[in-house]
Amino acid sequence: MKIFKSFFILLCLGWISCQTFSGTKKVLKINTMKLVMWDLLKADEWYIRQTLKDSTVKIKKENIRLYQKVFDVHGISKDQFYASYKYYESHPIEYKILLDSVETFANRERNKLANTNGQAK
């Protein structure tokens, strides 16, 4: 009987903790995270190129402003993104799926760009 009570208590605690996490901080779906991460990568690339041209960009903390723009475009908050990212980091299988989908998306975008440039010539 003690084993049954212990198991039941653990089961209830696990259920409550799952409900609390998913209820307070909604984890972004992989497709949404993929797009946000892709846009953050593009913002980082732009920022790096700008800092090579103009060192005052670093002083203005332009990258933080760019990140906020990306979050605004996707209709999410910074906290929601980082909570979701932390969730995926702590779930390796889902994290791998996320990173693979970002890579696939990047390759697709790169191919589109290459095809567009090839047709322009």
PDB file of N, CA and C in Angstrom:
ATOM      1  N   MET A   1       0.822  -1.197   0.000  1.00  0.00           N
ATOM      2  CA  MET A   1       0.000   0.000   0.000  1.00  0.00           C
ATOM      3  C   MET A   1       0.865   1.260   0.000  1.00  0.00           C
ATOM      4  N   LYS A   2       2.011   1.218   0.726  1.00  0.00           N
ATOM      5  CA  LYS A   2       2.903   2.370   0.759  1.00  0.00           C
ATOM      6  C   LYS A   2       3.470   2.656  -0.617  1.00  0.00           C
ATOM      7  N   ILE A   3       3.792   1.610  -1.353  1.00  0.00           N
ATOM      8  CA  ILE A   3       4.349   1.774  -2.689  1.00  0.00           C
ATOM      9  C   ILE A   3       3.315   2.432  -3.602  1.00  0.00           C
ATOM     10  N   PHE A   4       2.067   2.017  -3.466  1.00  0.00           N
ATOM     11  CA  PHE A   4       1.005   2.595  -4.285  1.00  0.00           C
ATOM     12  C   PHE A   4       0.835   4.083  -3.978  1.00  0.00           C
ATOM     13  N   LYS A   5       0.851   4.457  -2.695  1.00  0.00           N
ATOM     14  CA  LYS A   5       0.712   5.861  -2.306  1.00  0.00           C
ATOM     15  C   LYS A   5       1.891   6.684  -2.831  1.00  0.00           C
ATOM     16  N   SER A   6       3.088   6.153  -2.703  1.00  0.00           N
ATOM     17  CA  SER A   6       4.281   6.864  -3.179  1.00  0.00           C
ATOM     18  C   SER A   6       4.215   7.067  -4.692  1.00  0.00           C
ATOM     19  N   PHE A   7       3.838   6.025  -5.398  1.00  0.00           N
ATOM     20  CA  PHE A   7       3.721   6.114  -6.853  1.00  0.00           C
ATOM     21  C   PHE A   7       2.657   7.136  -7.238  1.00  0.00           C
ATOM     22  N   PHE A   8       1.533   7.125  -6.550  1.00  0.00           N
ATOM     23  CA  PHE A   8       0.442   8.048  -6.843  1.00  0.00           C
ATOM     24  C   PHE A   8       0.873   9.496  -6.597  1.00  0.00           C
ATOM     25  N   ILE A   9       1.595   9.728  -5.507  1.00  0.00           N
ATOM     26  CA  ILE A   9       2.064  11.084  -5.188  1.00  0.00           C
ATOM     27  C   ILE A   9       3.046  11.563  -6.257  1.00  0.00           C
ATOM     28  N   LEU A  10       3.976  10.685  -6.651  1.00  0.00           N
ATOM     29  CA  LEU A  10       4.931  11.054  -7.698  1.00  0.00           C
ATOM     30  C   LEU A  10       4.226  11.340  -9.025  1.00  0.00           C
ATOM     31  N   LEU A  11       3.249  10.539  -9.330  1.00  0.00           N
ATOM     32  CA  LEU A  11       2.486  10.727 -10.552  1.00  0.00           C
ATOM     33  C   LEU A  11       1.768  12.078 -10.539  1.00  0.00           C
ATOM     34  N   CYS A  12       1.150  12.413  -9.416  1.00  0.00           N
ATOM     35  CA  CYS A  12       0.450  13.698  -9.281  1.00  0.00           C
ATOM     36  C   CYS A  12       1.420  14.872  -9.383  1.00  0.00           C
ATOM     37  N   LEU A  13       2.563  14.763  -8.729  1.00  0.00           N
ATOM     38  CA  LEU A  13       3.556  15.836  -8.794  1.00  0.00           C
ATOM     39  C   LEU A  13       4.072  16.026 -10.224  1.00  0.00           C
ATOM     40  N   GLY A  14       4.314  14.936 -10.905  1.00  0.00           N
ATOM     41  CA  GLY A  14       4.751  15.025 -12.298  1.00  0.00           C
ATOM     42  C   GLY A  14       3.712  15.675 -13.181  1.00  0.00           C
ATOM     43  N   TRP A  15       2.468  15.307 -12.982  1.00  0.00           N
ATOM     44  CA  TRP A  15       1.385  15.882 -13.766  1.00  0.00           C
ATOM     45  C   TRP A  15       1.245  17.377 -13.485  1.00  0.00           C
ATOM     46  N   ILE A  16       1.331  17.758 -12.225  1.00  0.00           N
ATOM     47  CA  ILE A  16       1.207  19.169 -11.845  1.00  0.00           C
ATOM     48  C   ILE A  16       2.368  19.973 -12.429  1.00  0.00           C
ATOM     49  N   SER A  17       3.573  19.438 -12.345  1.00  0.00           N
ATOM     50  CA  SER A  17       4.719  20.190 -12.870  1.00  0.00           C
ATOM     51  C   SER A  17       4.613  20.371 -14.380  1.00  0.00           C
ATOM     52  N   CYS A  18       4.130  19.364 -15.076  1.00  0.00           N
ATOM     53  CA  CYS A  18       3.950  19.498 -16.522  1.00  0.00           C
ATOM     54  C   CYS A  18       2.877  20.533 -16.836  1.00  0.00           C
ATOM     55  N   GLN A  19       1.813  20.524 -16.095  1.00  0.00           N
ATOM     56  CA  GLN A  19       0.734  21.474 -16.300  1.00  0.00           C
ATOM     57  C   GLN A  19       1.202  22.891 -16.008  1.00  0.00           C
ATOM     58  N   THR A  20       1.979  23.062 -14.967  1.00  0.00           N
ATOM     59  CA  THR A  20       2.457  24.385 -14.597  1.00  0.00           C
ATOM     60  C   THR A  20       3.360  24.947 -15.682  1.00  0.00           C
ATOM     61  N   PHE A  21       4.290  24.141 -16.182  1.00  0.00           N
ATOM     62  CA  PHE A  21       5.213  24.635 -17.198  1.00  0.00           C
ATOM     63  C   PHE A  21       4.480  24.996 -18.478  1.00  0.00           C
ATOM     64  N   SER A  22       3.640  24.104 -18.944  1.00  0.00           N
ATOM     65  CA  SER A  22       2.979  24.363 -20.218  1.00  0.00           C
ATOM     66  C   SER A  22       1.925  25.450 -20.095  1.00  0.00           C
ATOM     67  N   GLY A  23       1.387  25.651 -18.912  1.00  0.00           N
ATOM     68  CA  GLY A  23       0.360  26.666 -18.744  1.00  0.00           C
ATOM     69  C   GLY A  23       0.924  28.066 -18.626  1.00  0.00           C
ATOM     70  N   THR A  24       2.069  28.226 -17.945  1.00  0.00           N
ATOM     71  CA  THR A  24       2.596  29.559 -17.726  1.00  0.00           C
ATOM     72  C   THR A  24       3.465  30.036 -18.879  1.00  0.00           C
ATOM     73  N   LYS A  25       4.248  29.158 -19.419  1.00  0.00           N
ATOM     74  CA  LYS A  25       5.149  29.537 -20.503  1.00  0.00           C
ATOM     75  C   LYS A  25       4.925  28.594 -21.672  1.00  0.00           C
ATOM     76  N   LYS A  26       4.114  29.026 -22.595  1.00  0.00           N
ATOM     77  CA  LYS A  26       3.847  28.198 -23.766  1.00  0.00           C
ATOM     78  C   LYS A  26       5.121  28.021 -24.568  1.00  0.00           C
ATOM     79  N   VAL A  27       5.441  26.792 -24.847  1.00  0.00           N
ATOM     80  CA  VAL A  27       6.606  26.491 -25.671  1.00  0.00           C
ATOM     81  C   VAL A  27       6.208  26.691 -27.128  1.00  0.00           C
ATOM     82  N   LEU A  28       7.021  27.446 -27.841  1.00  0.00           N
ATOM     83  CA  LEU A  28       6.755  27.681 -29.257  1.00  0.00           C
ATOM     84  C   LEU A  28       6.914  26.380 -30.030  1.00  0.00           C
ATOM     85  N   LYS A  29       6.074  26.177 -30.999  1.00  0.00           N
ATOM     86  CA  LYS A  29       6.156  24.974 -31.829  1.00  0.00           C
ATOM     87  C   LYS A  29       7.430  25.033 -32.679  1.00  0.00           C
ATOM     88  N   ILE A  30       7.874  23.877 -33.113  1.00  0.00           N
ATOM     89  CA  ILE A  30       9.130  23.782 -33.856  1.00  0.00           C
ATOM     90  C   ILE A  30       9.097  24.648 -35.112  1.00  0.00           C
ATOM     91  N   ASN A  31       7.985  24.664 -35.829  1.00  0.00           N
ATOM     92  CA  ASN A  31       7.912  25.475 -37.055  1.00  0.00           C
ATOM     93  C   ASN A  31       8.050  26.968 -36.760  1.00  0.00           C
ATOM     94  N   THR A  32       7.475  27.420 -35.657  1.00  0.00           N
ATOM     95  CA  THR A  32       7.605  28.823 -35.270  1.00  0.00           C
ATOM     96  C   THR A  32       9.029  29.117 -34.828  1.00  0.00           C
ATOM     97  N   MET A  33       9.591  28.240 -34.002  1.00  0.00           N
ATOM     98  CA  MET A  33      10.968  28.425 -33.523  1.00  0.00           C
ATOM     99  C   MET A  33      11.940  28.445 -34.693  1.00  0.00           C
ATOM    100  N   LYS A  34      11.693  27.597 -35.667  1.00  0.00           N
ATOM    101  CA  LYS A  34      12.559  27.521 -36.855  1.00  0.00           C
ATOM    102  C   LYS A  34      12.621  28.877 -37.541  1.00  0.00           C
ATOM    103  N   LEU A  35      11.473  29.491 -37.752  1.00  0.00           N
ATOM    104  CA  LEU A  35      11.430  30.775 -38.438  1.00  0.00           C
ATOM    105  C   LEU A  35      12.066  31.889 -37.612  1.00  0.00           C
ATOM    106  N   VAL A  36      11.803  31.877 -36.321  1.00  0.00           N
ATOM    107  CA  VAL A  36      12.378  32.898 -35.442  1.00  0.00           C
ATOM    108  C   VAL A  36      13.894  32.748 -35.409  1.00  0.00           C
ATOM    109  N   MET A  37      14.374  31.520 -35.254  1.00  0.00           N
ATOM    110  CA  MET A  37      15.816  31.296 -35.206  1.00  0.00           C
ATOM    111  C   MET A  37      16.464  31.688 -36.531  1.00  0.00           C
ATOM    112  N   TRP A  38      15.829  31.411 -37.640  1.00  0.00           N
ATOM    113  CA  TRP A  38      16.368  31.786 -38.940  1.00  0.00           C
ATOM    114  C   TRP A  38      16.495  33.303 -39.045  1.00  0.00           C
ATOM    115  N   ASP A  39      15.452  34.013 -38.617  1.00  0.00           N
ATOM    116  CA  ASP A  39      15.502  35.474 -38.663  1.00  0.00           C
ATOM    117  C   ASP A  39      16.552  36.027 -37.697  1.00  0.00           C
ATOM    118  N   LEU A  40      16.718  35.398 -36.541  1.00  0.00           N
ATOM    119  CA  LEU A  40      17.766  35.829 -35.604  1.00  0.00           C
ATOM    120  C   LEU A  40      19.155  35.610 -36.202  1.00  0.00           C
ATOM    121  N   LEU A  41      19.328  34.505 -36.901  1.00  0.00           N
ATOM    122  CA  LEU A  41      20.608  34.250 -37.562  1.00  0.00           C
ATOM    123  C   LEU A  41      20.894  35.299 -38.642  1.00  0.00           C
ATOM    124  N   LYS A  42      19.858  35.656 -39.400  1.00  0.00           N
ATOM    125  CA  LYS A  42      20.045  36.690 -40.422  1.00  0.00           C
ATOM    126  C   LYS A  42      20.353  38.040 -39.776  1.00  0.00           C
ATOM    127  N   ALA A  43      19.688  38.349 -38.667  1.00  0.00           N
ATOM    128  CA  ALA A  43      19.963  39.604 -37.957  1.00  0.00           C
ATOM    129  C   ALA A  43      21.398  39.621 -37.441  1.00  0.00           C
ATOM    130  N   ASP A  44      21.859  38.494 -36.919  1.00  0.00           N
ATOM    131  CA  ASP A  44      23.245  38.400 -36.454  1.00  0.00           C
ATOM    132  C   ASP A  44      24.229  38.616 -37.603  1.00  0.00           C
ATOM    133  N   GLU A  45      23.941  38.022 -38.726  1.00  0.00           N
ATOM    134  CA  GLU A  45      24.818  38.169 -39.886  1.00  0.00           C
ATOM    135  C   GLU A  45      24.896  39.630 -40.319  1.00  0.00           C
ATOM    136  N   TRP A  46      23.758  40.296 -40.372  1.00  0.00           N
ATOM    137  CA  TRP A  46      23.727  41.705 -40.733  1.00  0.00           C
ATOM    138  C   TRP A  46      24.517  42.529 -39.726  1.00  0.00           C
ATOM    139  N   TYR A  47      24.308  42.235 -38.453  1.00  0.00           N
ATOM    140  CA  TYR A  47      24.998  42.962 -37.379  1.00  0.00           C
ATOM    141  C   TYR A  47      26.513  42.806 -37.487  1.00  0.00           C
ATOM    142  N   ILE A  48      26.978  41.601 -37.746  1.00  0.00           N
ATOM    143  CA  ILE A  48      28.419  41.356 -37.870  1.00  0.00           C
ATOM    144  C   ILE A  48      28.988  42.138 -39.055  1.00  0.00           C
ATOM    145  N   ARG A  49      28.274  42.123 -40.163  1.00  0.00           N
ATOM    146  CA  ARG A  49      28.746  42.868 -41.338  1.00  0.00           C
ATOM    147  C   ARG A  49      28.782  44.371 -41.073  1.00  0.00           C
ATOM    148  N   GLN A  50      27.787  44.865 -40.333  1.00  0.00           N
ATOM    149  CA  GLN A  50      27.753  46.295 -40.028  1.00  0.00           C
ATOM    150  C   GLN A  50      28.878  46.696 -39.074  1.00  0.00           C
ATOM    151  N   THR A  51      29.187  45.843 -38.097  1.00  0.00           N
ATOM    152  CA  THR A  51      30.251  46.187 -37.147  1.00  0.00           C
ATOM    153  C   THR A  51      31.610  46.209 -37.828  1.00  0.00           C
ATOM    154  N   LEU A  52      31.769  45.446 -38.899  1.00  0.00           N
ATOM    155  CA  LEU A  52      33.020  45.499 -39.646  1.00  0.00           C
ATOM    156  C   LEU A  52      33.164  46.838 -40.382  1.00  0.00           C
ATOM    157  N   LYS A  53      32.037  47.380 -40.821  1.00  0.00           N
ATOM    158  CA  LYS A  53      32.050  48.659 -41.536  1.00  0.00           C
ATOM    159  C   LYS A  53      32.082  49.850 -40.576  1.00  0.00           C
ATOM    160  N   ASP A  54      31.318  49.732 -39.475  1.00  0.00           N
ATOM    161  CA  ASP A  54      31.112  50.874 -38.581  1.00  0.00           C
ATOM    162  C   ASP A  54      31.148  50.384 -37.131  1.00  0.00           C
ATOM    163  N   SER A  55      32.192  50.744 -36.403  1.00  0.00           N
ATOM    164  CA  SER A  55      32.342  50.241 -35.032  1.00  0.00           C
ATOM    165  C   SER A  55      31.356  50.870 -34.058  1.00  0.00           C
ATOM    166  N   THR A  56      30.696  51.965 -34.422  1.00  0.00           N
ATOM    167  CA  THR A  56      29.729  52.582 -33.503  1.00  0.00           C
ATOM    168  C   THR A  56      28.453  51.745 -33.378  1.00  0.00           C
ATOM    169  N   VAL A  57      28.246  50.815 -34.289  1.00  0.00           N
ATOM    170  CA  VAL A  57      27.067  49.943 -34.219  1.00  0.00           C
ATOM    171  C   VAL A  57      27.115  49.124 -32.933  1.00  0.00           C
ATOM    172  N   LYS A  58      28.315  48.676 -32.537  1.00  0.00           N
ATOM    173  CA  LYS A  58      28.452  47.915 -31.292  1.00  0.00           C
ATOM    174  C   LYS A  58      28.064  48.759 -30.088  1.00  0.00           C
ATOM    175  N   ILE A  59      28.491  50.009 -30.092  1.00  0.00           N
ATOM    176  CA  ILE A  59      28.214  50.896 -28.961  1.00  0.00           C
ATOM    177  C   ILE A  59      26.714  51.107 -28.804  1.00  0.00           C
ATOM    178  N   LYS A  60      26.006  51.198 -29.918  1.00  0.00           N
ATOM    179  CA  LYS A  60      24.558  51.430 -29.883  1.00  0.00           C
ATOM    180  C   LYS A  60      23.766  50.177 -29.518  1.00  0.00           C
ATOM    181  N   LYS A  61      24.464  49.046 -29.395  1.00  0.00           N
ATOM    182  CA  LYS A  61      23.815  47.764 -29.091  1.00  0.00           C
ATOM    183  C   LYS A  61      22.693  47.466 -30.095  1.00  0.00           C
ATOM    184  N   GLU A  62      23.041  47.616 -31.341  1.00  0.00           N
ATOM    185  CA  GLU A  62      22.093  47.419 -32.435  1.00  0.00           C
ATOM    186  C   GLU A  62      21.543  45.997 -32.463  1.00  0.00           C
ATOM    187  N   ASN A  63      22.355  45.016 -32.051  1.00  0.00           N
ATOM    188  CA  ASN A  63      21.890  43.624 -32.107  1.00  0.00           C
ATOM    189  C   ASN A  63      20.681  43.394 -31.202  1.00  0.00           C
ATOM    190  N   ILE A  64      20.643  44.046 -30.059  1.00  0.00           N
ATOM    191  CA  ILE A  64      19.505  43.880 -29.148  1.00  0.00           C
ATOM    192  C   ILE A  64      18.242  44.446 -29.784  1.00  0.00           C
ATOM    193  N   ARG A  65      18.380  45.583 -30.446  1.00  0.00           N
ATOM    194  CA  ARG A  65      17.234  46.187 -31.133  1.00  0.00           C
ATOM    195  C   ARG A  65      16.756  45.287 -32.274  1.00  0.00           C
ATOM    196  N   LEU A  66      17.699  44.682 -32.980  1.00  0.00           N
ATOM    197  CA  LEU A  66      17.338  43.783 -34.075  1.00  0.00           C
ATOM    198  C   LEU A  66      16.596  42.554 -33.555  1.00  0.00           C
ATOM    199  N   TYR A  67      17.088  41.989 -32.459  1.00  0.00           N
ATOM    200  CA  TYR A  67      16.411  40.828 -31.873  1.00  0.00           C
ATOM    201  C   TYR A  67      14.974  41.188 -31.499  1.00  0.00           C
ATOM    202  N   GLN A  68      14.800  42.360 -30.893  1.00  0.00           N
ATOM    203  CA  GLN A  68      13.449  42.760 -30.488  1.00  0.00           C
ATOM    204  C   GLN A  68      12.547  42.920 -31.708  1.00  0.00           C
ATOM    205  N   LYS A  69      13.103  43.426 -32.804  1.00  0.00           N
ATOM    206  CA  LYS A  69      12.313  43.542 -34.039  1.00  0.00           C
ATOM    207  C   LYS A  69      11.873  42.162 -34.530  1.00  0.00           C
ATOM    208  N   VAL A  70      12.777  41.198 -34.464  1.00  0.00           N
ATOM    209  CA  VAL A  70      12.444  39.833 -34.897  1.00  0.00           C
ATOM    210  C   VAL A  70      11.316  39.277 -34.024  1.00  0.00           C
ATOM    211  N   PHE A  71      11.434  39.480 -32.713  1.00  0.00           N
ATOM    212  CA  PHE A  71      10.384  38.993 -31.812  1.00  0.00           C
ATOM    213  C   PHE A  71       9.054  39.678 -32.118  1.00  0.00           C
ATOM    214  N   ASP A  72       9.092  40.982 -32.397  1.00  0.00           N
ATOM    215  CA  ASP A  72       7.865  41.715 -32.717  1.00  0.00           C
ATOM    216  C   ASP A  72       7.238  41.210 -34.013  1.00  0.00           C
ATOM    217  N   VAL A  73       8.065  40.972 -35.020  1.00  0.00           N
ATOM    218  CA  VAL A  73       7.557  40.481 -36.302  1.00  0.00           C
ATOM    219  C   VAL A  73       6.828  39.152 -36.120  1.00  0.00           C
ATOM    220  N   HIS A  74       7.356  38.298 -35.263  1.00  0.00           N
ATOM    221  CA  HIS A  74       6.753  36.981 -35.055  1.00  0.00           C
ATOM    222  C   HIS A  74       5.690  36.981 -33.958  1.00  0.00           C
ATOM    223  N   GLY A  75       5.484  38.124 -33.321  1.00  0.00           N
ATOM    224  CA  GLY A  75       4.433  38.242 -32.316  1.00  0.00           C
ATOM    225  C   GLY A  75       4.711  37.460 -31.037  1.00  0.00           C
ATOM    226  N   ILE A  76       5.984  37.405 -30.653  1.00  0.00           N
ATOM    227  CA  ILE A  76       6.352  36.711 -29.422  1.00  0.00           C
ATOM    228  C   ILE A  76       7.185  37.647 -28.548  1.00  0.00           C
ATOM    229  N   SER A  77       7.348  37.265 -27.301  1.00  0.00           N
ATOM    230  CA  SER A  77       8.191  38.056 -26.407  1.00  0.00           C
ATOM    231  C   SER A  77       9.565  37.412 -26.300  1.00  0.00           C
ATOM    232  N   LYS A  78      10.509  38.202 -25.838  1.00  0.00           N
ATOM    233  CA  LYS A  78      11.865  37.701 -25.627  1.00  0.00           C
ATOM    234  C   LYS A  78      11.835  36.556 -24.615  1.00  0.00           C
ATOM    235  N   ASP A  79      11.064  36.730 -23.555  1.00  0.00           N
ATOM    236  CA  ASP A  79      10.974  35.692 -22.524  1.00  0.00           C
ATOM    237  C   ASP A  79      10.380  34.405 -23.075  1.00  0.00           C
ATOM    238  N   GLN A  80       9.379  34.533 -23.930  1.00  0.00           N
ATOM    239  CA  GLN A  80       8.753  33.351 -24.520  1.00  0.00           C
ATOM    240  C   GLN A  80       9.749  32.605 -25.408  1.00  0.00           C
ATOM    241  N   PHE A  81      10.539  33.346 -26.177  1.00  0.00           N
ATOM    242  CA  PHE A  81      11.529  32.699 -27.034  1.00  0.00           C
ATOM    243  C   PHE A  81      12.572  31.967 -26.200  1.00  0.00           C
ATOM    244  N   TYR A  82      13.139  32.663 -25.210  1.00  0.00           N
ATOM    245  CA  TYR A  82      14.211  32.048 -24.431  1.00  0.00           C
ATOM    246  C   TYR A  82      13.715  30.893 -23.562  1.00  0.00           C
ATOM    247  N   ALA A  83      12.476  30.971 -23.080  1.00  0.00           N
ATOM    248  CA  ALA A  83      11.904  29.849 -22.338  1.00  0.00           C
ATOM    249  C   ALA A  83      11.727  28.643 -23.262  1.00  0.00           C
ATOM    250  N   SER A  84      11.278  28.904 -24.484  1.00  0.00           N
ATOM    251  CA  SER A  84      11.117  27.824 -25.456  1.00  0.00           C
ATOM    252  C   SER A  84      12.468  27.236 -25.830  1.00  0.00           C
ATOM    253  N   TYR A  85      13.456  28.093 -26.026  1.00  0.00           N
ATOM    254  CA  TYR A  85      14.795  27.621 -26.379  1.00  0.00           C
ATOM    255  C   TYR A  85      15.370  26.759 -25.257  1.00  0.00           C
ATOM    256  N   LYS A  86      15.152  27.201 -24.039  1.00  0.00           N
ATOM    257  CA  LYS A  86      15.629  26.428 -22.875  1.00  0.00           C
ATOM    258  C   LYS A  86      14.929  25.064 -22.828  1.00  0.00           C
ATOM    259  N   TYR A  87      13.634  25.057 -23.137  1.00  0.00           N
ATOM    260  CA  TYR A  87      12.883  23.806 -23.166  1.00  0.00           C
ATOM    261  C   TYR A  87      13.495  22.850 -24.194  1.00  0.00           C
ATOM    262  N   TYR A  88      13.739  23.354 -25.403  1.00  0.00           N
ATOM    263  CA  TYR A  88      14.290  22.494 -26.451  1.00  0.00           C
ATOM    264  C   TYR A  88      15.688  22.015 -26.102  1.00  0.00           C
ATOM    265  N   GLU A  89      16.487  22.867 -25.466  1.00  0.00           N
ATOM    266  CA  GLU A  89      17.824  22.438 -25.054  1.00  0.00           C
ATOM    267  C   GLU A  89      17.767  21.303 -24.042  1.00  0.00           C
ATOM    268  N   SER A  90      16.748  21.307 -23.221  1.00  0.00           N
ATOM    269  CA  SER A  90      16.639  20.260 -22.202  1.00  0.00           C
ATOM    270  C   SER A  90      15.946  19.001 -22.716  1.00  0.00           C
ATOM    271  N   HIS A  91      15.499  19.020 -23.967  1.00  0.00           N
ATOM    272  CA  HIS A  91      14.882  17.852 -24.607  1.00  0.00           C
ATOM    273  C   HIS A  91      15.658  17.552 -25.893  1.00  0.00           C
ATOM    274  N   PRO A  92      16.723  16.770 -25.793  1.00  0.00           N
ATOM    275  CA  PRO A  92      17.662  16.588 -26.914  1.00  0.00           C
ATOM    276  C   PRO A  92      17.045  16.120 -28.229  1.00  0.00           C
ATOM    277  N   ILE A  93      16.081  15.244 -28.169  1.00  0.00           N
ATOM    278  CA  ILE A  93      15.487  14.739 -29.414  1.00  0.00           C
ATOM    279  C   ILE A  93      14.743  15.864 -30.134  1.00  0.00           C
ATOM    280  N   GLU A  94      13.942  16.612 -29.385  1.00  0.00           N
ATOM    281  CA  GLU A  94      13.213  17.723 -29.994  1.00  0.00           C
ATOM    282  C   GLU A  94      14.170  18.826 -30.444  1.00  0.00           C
ATOM    283  N   TYR A  95      15.252  19.037 -29.683  1.00  0.00           N
ATOM    284  CA  TYR A  95      16.253  20.040 -30.036  1.00  0.00           C
ATOM    285  C   TYR A  95      16.927  19.678 -31.356  1.00  0.00           C
ATOM    286  N   LYS A  96      17.234  18.406 -31.527  1.00  0.00           N
ATOM    287  CA  LYS A  96      17.845  17.945 -32.785  1.00  0.00           C
ATOM    288  C   LYS A  96      16.880  18.156 -33.952  1.00  0.00           C
ATOM    289  N   ILE A  97      15.616  17.854 -33.728  1.00  0.00           N
ATOM    290  CA  ILE A  97      14.610  18.067 -34.771  1.00  0.00           C
ATOM    291  C   ILE A  97      14.547  19.552 -35.133  1.00  0.00           C
ATOM    292  N   LEU A  98      14.580  20.411 -34.121  1.00  0.00           N
ATOM    293  CA  LEU A  98      14.552  21.852 -34.353  1.00  0.00           C
ATOM    294  C   LEU A  98      15.757  22.297 -35.168  1.00  0.00           C
ATOM    295  N   LEU A  99      16.942  21.887 -34.759  1.00  0.00           N
ATOM    296  CA  LEU A  99      18.154  22.303 -35.473  1.00  0.00           C
ATOM    297  C   LEU A  99      18.189  21.753 -36.896  1.00  0.00           C
ATOM    298  N   ASP A 100      17.726  20.526 -37.061  1.00  0.00           N
ATOM    299  CA  ASP A 100      17.663  19.949 -38.412  1.00  0.00           C
ATOM    300  C   ASP A 100      16.692  20.730 -39.292  1.00  0.00           C
ATOM    301  N   SER A 101      15.570  21.139 -38.711  1.00  0.00           N
ATOM    302  CA  SER A 101      14.590  21.884 -39.503  1.00  0.00           C
ATOM    303  C   SER A 101      15.113  23.272 -39.860  1.00  0.00           C
ATOM    304  N   VAL A 102      15.883  23.891 -38.956  1.00  0.00           N
ATOM    305  CA  VAL A 102      16.494  25.185 -39.275  1.00  0.00           C
ATOM    306  C   VAL A 102      17.496  25.013 -40.417  1.00  0.00           C
ATOM    307  N   GLU A 103      18.286  23.961 -40.347  1.00  0.00           N
ATOM    308  CA  GLU A 103      19.275  23.705 -41.395  1.00  0.00           C
ATOM    309  C   GLU A 103      18.599  23.444 -42.749  1.00  0.00           C
ATOM    310  N   THR A 104      17.557  22.640 -42.741  1.00  0.00           N
ATOM    311  CA  THR A 104      16.818  22.347 -43.976  1.00  0.00           C
ATOM    312  C   THR A 104      16.204  23.618 -44.552  1.00  0.00           C
ATOM    313  N   PHE A 105      15.631  24.428 -43.673  1.00  0.00           N
ATOM    314  CA  PHE A 105      15.034  25.692 -44.096  1.00  0.00           C
ATOM    315  C   PHE A 105      16.101  26.617 -44.688  1.00  0.00           C
ATOM    316  N   ALA A 106      17.264  26.668 -44.044  1.00  0.00           N
ATOM    317  CA  ALA A 106      18.362  27.513 -44.531  1.00  0.00           C
ATOM    318  C   ALA A 106      18.817  27.053 -45.919  1.00  0.00           C
ATOM    319  N   ASN A 107      18.938  25.755 -46.097  1.00  0.00           N
ATOM    320  CA  ASN A 107      19.338  25.224 -47.405  1.00  0.00           C
ATOM    321  C   ASN A 107      18.300  25.560 -48.476  1.00  0.00           C
ATOM    322  N   ARG A 108      17.041  25.447 -48.121  1.00  0.00           N
ATOM    323  CA  ARG A 108      15.966  25.760 -49.061  1.00  0.00           C
ATOM    324  C   ARG A 108      16.014  27.239 -49.460  1.00  0.00           C
ATOM    325  N   GLU A 109      16.213  28.110 -48.470  1.00  0.00           N
ATOM    326  CA  GLU A 109      16.296  29.546 -48.743  1.00  0.00           C
ATOM    327  C   GLU A 109      17.521  29.866 -49.593  1.00  0.00           C
ATOM    328  N   ARG A 110      18.642  29.211 -49.308  1.00  0.00           N
ATOM    329  CA  ARG A 110      19.869  29.418 -50.069  1.00  0.00           C
ATOM    330  C   ARG A 110      19.666  28.981 -51.531  1.00  0.00           C
ATOM    331  N   ASN A 111      18.992  27.854 -51.727  1.00  0.00           N
ATOM    332  CA  ASN A 111      18.714  27.370 -53.090  1.00  0.00           C
ATOM    333  C   ASN A 111      17.785  28.324 -53.836  1.00  0.00           C
ATOM    334  N   LYS A 112      16.780  28.859 -53.141  1.00  0.00           N
ATOM    335  CA  LYS A 112      15.882  29.829 -53.768  1.00  0.00           C
ATOM    336  C   LYS A 112      16.667  31.049 -54.228  1.00  0.00           C
ATOM    337  N   LEU A 113      17.554  31.518 -53.366  1.00  0.00           N
ATOM    338  CA  LEU A 113      18.355  32.693 -53.687  1.00  0.00           C
ATOM    339  C   LEU A 113      19.282  32.409 -54.867  1.00  0.00           C
ATOM    340  N   ALA A 114      19.881  31.241 -54.868  1.00  0.00           N
ATOM    341  CA  ALA A 114      20.780  30.866 -55.966  1.00  0.00           C
ATOM    342  C   ALA A 114      20.007  30.767 -57.282  1.00  0.00           C
ATOM    343  N   ASN A 115      18.816  30.195 -57.250  1.00  0.00           N
ATOM    344  CA  ASN A 115      17.986  30.077 -58.452  1.00  0.00           C
ATOM    345  C   ASN A 115      17.535  31.453 -58.951  1.00  0.00           C
ATOM    346  N   THR A 116      17.217  32.333 -58.030  1.00  0.00           N
ATOM    347  CA  THR A 116      16.804  33.676 -58.394  1.00  0.00           C
ATOM    348  C   THR A 116      17.940  34.436 -59.036  1.00  0.00           C
ATOM    349  N   ASN A 117      19.139  34.326 -58.451  1.00  0.00           N
ATOM    350  CA  ASN A 117      20.306  35.009 -59.014  1.00  0.00           C
ATOM    351  C   ASN A 117      20.710  34.408 -60.353  1.00  0.00           C
ATOM    352  N   GLY A 118      20.560  33.117 -60.497  1.00  0.00           N
ATOM    353  CA  GLY A 118      20.898  32.440 -61.751  1.00  0.00           C
ATOM    354  C   GLY A 118      19.975  32.854 -62.890  1.00  0.00           C
ATOM    355  N   GLN A 119      18.699  33.083 -62.567  1.00  0.00           N
ATOM    356  CA  GLN A 119      17.731  33.472 -63.588  1.00  0.00           C
ATOM    357  C   GLN A 119      17.893  34.941 -63.984  1.00  0.00           C
ATOM    358  N   ALA A 120      18.456  35.748 -63.073  1.00  0.00           N
ATOM    359  CA  ALA A 120      18.607  37.178 -63.345  1.00  0.00           C
ATOM    360  C   ALA A 120      19.710  37.420 -64.372  1.00  0.00           C
ATOM    361  N   LYS A 121      20.645  36.504 -64.502  1.00  0.00           N
ATOM    362  CA  LYS A 121      21.764  36.697 -65.435  1.00  0.00           C
ATOM    363  C   LYS A 121      21.330  36.525 -66.812  1.00  0.00           C
TER     364      LYS A 121
END
